[in-house]
């Protein structure tokens, strides 16, 4: 492997590691922001997601379901 190729590989590897480390932080921030929206809170009320469910169903799962249903509605 030439020096140029070796350096490119090192740079790309470093970028991949940085990206992989950043993605969970980005998702967590996005998830928290979505959870604070009136649309998400209305979705919870419409689905009768009560206080116990909010604690038992992980926020990841709730936001994923909300986003999926919202996108399906928009696509329809």
N, C-alpha and C. Protein backbone atom coordinates (compact mmCIF):
# COMPACT_ATOMS: atom_id res chain seq x y z
N UNK A 1 0.85 -1.17 0.00
CA UNK A 1 0.00 0.00 0.00
C UNK A 1 0.89 1.23 0.00
N UNK A 2 0.60 2.18 -0.83
CA UNK A 2 1.42 3.40 -0.89
C UNK A 2 1.12 4.27 0.33
N UNK A 3 2.02 5.23 0.57
CA UNK A 3 1.81 6.14 1.70
C UNK A 3 0.51 6.91 1.56
N UNK A 4 0.19 7.33 0.33
CA UNK A 4 -1.04 8.08 0.09
C UNK A 4 -2.25 7.24 0.46
N UNK A 5 -2.27 5.99 0.01
CA UNK A 5 -3.39 5.11 0.34
C UNK A 5 -3.45 4.81 1.83
N UNK A 6 -2.31 4.61 2.45
CA UNK A 6 -2.27 4.33 3.89
C UNK A 6 -2.80 5.52 4.68
N UNK A 7 -2.40 6.73 4.27
CA UNK A 7 -2.88 7.93 4.97
C UNK A 7 -4.38 8.12 4.76
N UNK A 8 -4.87 7.87 3.57
CA UNK A 8 -6.31 7.97 3.31
C UNK A 8 -7.08 6.98 4.16
N UNK A 9 -6.57 5.77 4.26
CA UNK A 9 -7.24 4.75 5.06
C UNK A 9 -7.29 5.17 6.52
N UNK A 10 -6.16 5.69 7.04
CA UNK A 10 -6.13 6.15 8.43
C UNK A 10 -7.13 7.27 8.66
N UNK A 11 -7.18 8.24 7.75
CA UNK A 11 -8.11 9.36 7.89
C UNK A 11 -9.55 8.89 7.84
N UNK A 12 -9.88 8.00 6.90
CA UNK A 12 -11.24 7.48 6.80
C UNK A 12 -11.61 6.66 8.02
N UNK A 13 -10.68 5.90 8.55
CA UNK A 13 -10.94 5.11 9.76
C UNK A 13 -11.22 6.01 10.94
N UNK A 14 -10.44 7.08 11.07
CA UNK A 14 -10.63 8.02 12.17
C UNK A 14 -11.99 8.71 12.05
N UNK A 15 -12.39 9.07 10.82
CA UNK A 15 -13.69 9.69 10.60
C UNK A 15 -14.82 8.72 10.96
N UNK A 16 -14.67 7.46 10.60
CA UNK A 16 -15.70 6.46 10.90
C UNK A 16 -15.86 6.29 12.40
N UNK A 17 -14.76 6.26 13.12
CA UNK A 17 -14.83 6.12 14.57
C UNK A 17 -15.53 7.33 15.17
N UNK A 18 -15.15 8.52 14.73
CA UNK A 18 -15.76 9.74 15.24
C UNK A 18 -17.25 9.76 14.93
N UNK A 19 -17.63 9.38 13.71
CA UNK A 19 -19.04 9.35 13.32
C UNK A 19 -19.81 8.35 14.17
N UNK A 20 -19.25 7.16 14.37
CA UNK A 20 -19.93 6.13 15.16
C UNK A 20 -20.09 6.55 16.61
N UNK A 21 -19.14 7.31 17.12
CA UNK A 21 -19.24 7.79 18.49
C UNK A 21 -20.26 8.92 18.60
N UNK A 22 -20.41 9.71 17.55
CA UNK A 22 -21.31 10.86 17.57
C UNK A 22 -22.76 10.46 17.37
N UNK A 23 -23.02 9.40 16.63
CA UNK A 23 -24.39 9.04 16.30
C UNK A 23 -25.28 8.80 17.52
N UNK A 24 -24.82 8.07 18.54
CA UNK A 24 -25.70 7.91 19.72
C UNK A 24 -26.01 9.23 20.41
N UNK A 25 -25.05 10.14 20.44
CA UNK A 25 -25.28 11.45 21.06
C UNK A 25 -26.28 12.25 20.25
N UNK A 26 -26.16 12.18 18.93
CA UNK A 26 -27.10 12.89 18.07
C UNK A 26 -28.50 12.33 18.24
N UNK A 27 -28.63 11.00 18.22
CA UNK A 27 -29.94 10.37 18.38
C UNK A 27 -30.55 10.74 19.73
N UNK A 28 -29.73 10.74 20.79
CA UNK A 28 -30.25 11.07 22.12
C UNK A 28 -30.77 12.50 22.14
N UNK A 29 -30.04 13.43 21.57
CA UNK A 29 -30.49 14.83 21.51
C UNK A 29 -31.77 14.97 20.69
N UNK A 30 -31.79 14.31 19.55
CA UNK A 30 -32.97 14.36 18.68
C UNK A 30 -34.18 13.74 19.38
N UNK A 31 -33.97 12.62 20.00
CA UNK A 31 -35.05 11.92 20.71
C UNK A 31 -35.63 12.81 21.82
N UNK A 32 -34.76 13.47 22.58
CA UNK A 32 -35.22 14.35 23.65
C UNK A 32 -36.01 15.53 23.08
N UNK A 33 -35.53 16.10 21.98
CA UNK A 33 -36.21 17.23 21.35
C UNK A 33 -37.59 16.80 20.83
N UNK A 34 -37.67 15.64 20.21
CA UNK A 34 -38.95 15.14 19.70
C UNK A 34 -39.93 14.91 20.84
N UNK A 35 -39.44 14.35 21.94
CA UNK A 35 -40.30 14.04 23.09
C UNK A 35 -40.92 15.30 23.69
N UNK A 36 -40.29 16.44 23.50
CA UNK A 36 -40.82 17.69 24.04
C UNK A 36 -41.82 18.37 23.12
N UNK A 37 -42.00 17.87 21.90
CA UNK A 37 -42.90 18.53 20.95
C UNK A 37 -44.36 18.25 21.29
N UNK A 38 -45.20 19.20 20.91
CA UNK A 38 -46.64 19.02 21.13
C UNK A 38 -47.17 17.86 20.30
N UNK A 39 -46.61 17.65 19.11
CA UNK A 39 -47.06 16.54 18.27
C UNK A 39 -46.82 15.19 18.93
N UNK A 40 -45.67 15.02 19.52
CA UNK A 40 -45.36 13.75 20.21
C UNK A 40 -46.25 13.58 21.42
N UNK A 41 -46.44 14.65 22.18
CA UNK A 41 -47.28 14.56 23.38
C UNK A 41 -48.73 14.28 23.01
N UNK A 42 -49.21 14.88 21.92
CA UNK A 42 -50.57 14.58 21.44
C UNK A 42 -50.66 13.12 20.99
N UNK A 43 -49.61 12.62 20.31
CA UNK A 43 -49.56 11.22 19.88
C UNK A 43 -49.69 10.30 21.09
N UNK A 44 -48.98 10.63 22.16
CA UNK A 44 -49.08 9.82 23.38
C UNK A 44 -50.51 9.81 23.91
N UNK A 45 -51.15 10.97 23.95
CA UNK A 45 -52.53 11.06 24.44
C UNK A 45 -53.49 10.27 23.55
N UNK A 46 -53.32 10.40 22.23
CA UNK A 46 -54.18 9.68 21.30
C UNK A 46 -54.01 8.17 21.43
N UNK A 47 -52.82 7.73 21.73
CA UNK A 47 -52.54 6.30 21.89
C UNK A 47 -52.79 5.83 23.31
N UNK A 48 -53.25 6.78 24.14
CA UNK A 48 -53.50 6.50 25.56
C UNK A 48 -52.27 5.90 26.24
N UNK A 49 -51.13 6.50 25.94
CA UNK A 49 -49.89 6.09 26.61
C UNK A 49 -49.93 6.75 27.97
N UNK A 50 -50.25 5.96 28.98
CA UNK A 50 -50.38 6.54 30.31
C UNK A 50 -49.03 6.67 31.00
N UNK A 51 -49.08 7.19 32.20
CA UNK A 51 -47.84 7.45 32.94
C UNK A 51 -47.02 6.18 33.15
N UNK A 52 -47.70 5.06 33.43
CA UNK A 52 -46.97 3.80 33.63
C UNK A 52 -46.29 3.35 32.35
N UNK A 53 -46.99 3.47 31.22
CA UNK A 53 -46.42 3.08 29.93
C UNK A 53 -45.21 3.93 29.59
N UNK A 54 -45.31 5.22 29.89
CA UNK A 54 -44.19 6.12 29.59
C UNK A 54 -42.93 5.69 30.31
N UNK A 55 -43.10 5.09 31.48
CA UNK A 55 -41.94 4.63 32.24
C UNK A 55 -41.51 3.23 31.82
N UNK A 56 -42.46 2.42 31.38
CA UNK A 56 -42.16 1.03 31.01
C UNK A 56 -41.69 0.88 29.57
N UNK A 57 -42.21 1.72 28.68
CA UNK A 57 -41.80 1.66 27.27
C UNK A 57 -40.66 2.66 27.09
N UNK A 58 -39.50 2.18 26.68
CA UNK A 58 -38.36 3.09 26.53
C UNK A 58 -38.68 4.24 25.57
N UNK A 59 -38.14 5.40 25.87
CA UNK A 59 -38.36 6.56 25.02
C UNK A 59 -37.89 6.30 23.60
N UNK A 60 -36.81 5.53 23.44
CA UNK A 60 -36.35 5.15 22.10
C UNK A 60 -37.48 4.52 21.31
N UNK A 61 -38.16 3.58 21.94
CA UNK A 61 -39.24 2.84 21.26
C UNK A 61 -40.42 3.75 20.95
N UNK A 62 -40.79 4.59 21.92
CA UNK A 62 -41.91 5.50 21.70
C UNK A 62 -41.63 6.46 20.55
N UNK A 63 -40.45 7.05 20.54
CA UNK A 63 -40.10 8.01 19.48
C UNK A 63 -40.03 7.30 18.14
N UNK A 64 -39.47 6.10 18.12
CA UNK A 64 -39.40 5.33 16.87
C UNK A 64 -40.80 5.05 16.32
N UNK A 65 -41.72 4.64 17.19
CA UNK A 65 -43.10 4.38 16.75
C UNK A 65 -43.76 5.66 16.25
N UNK A 66 -43.56 6.73 16.99
CA UNK A 66 -44.13 8.03 16.60
C UNK A 66 -43.62 8.45 15.22
N UNK A 67 -42.32 8.35 15.02
CA UNK A 67 -41.74 8.74 13.73
C UNK A 67 -42.23 7.85 12.61
N UNK A 68 -42.31 6.56 12.86
CA UNK A 68 -42.79 5.62 11.84
C UNK A 68 -44.22 5.95 11.45
N UNK A 69 -45.09 6.14 12.45
CA UNK A 69 -46.49 6.43 12.15
C UNK A 69 -46.63 7.77 11.44
N UNK A 70 -45.85 8.76 11.84
CA UNK A 70 -45.90 10.07 11.21
C UNK A 70 -45.46 9.98 9.75
N UNK A 71 -44.38 9.26 9.49
CA UNK A 71 -43.91 9.11 8.12
C UNK A 71 -44.89 8.31 7.27
N UNK A 72 -45.49 7.28 7.84
CA UNK A 72 -46.50 6.51 7.10
C UNK A 72 -47.69 7.39 6.73
N UNK A 73 -48.09 8.24 7.65
CA UNK A 73 -49.21 9.15 7.38
C UNK A 73 -48.85 10.13 6.27
N UNK A 74 -47.63 10.66 6.33
CA UNK A 74 -47.19 11.61 5.30
C UNK A 74 -47.06 10.92 3.93
N UNK A 75 -46.63 9.67 3.94
CA UNK A 75 -46.46 8.95 2.69
C UNK A 75 -47.79 8.57 2.07
N UNK A 76 -48.82 8.43 2.90
CA UNK A 76 -50.13 8.04 2.42
C UNK A 76 -50.74 9.19 1.68
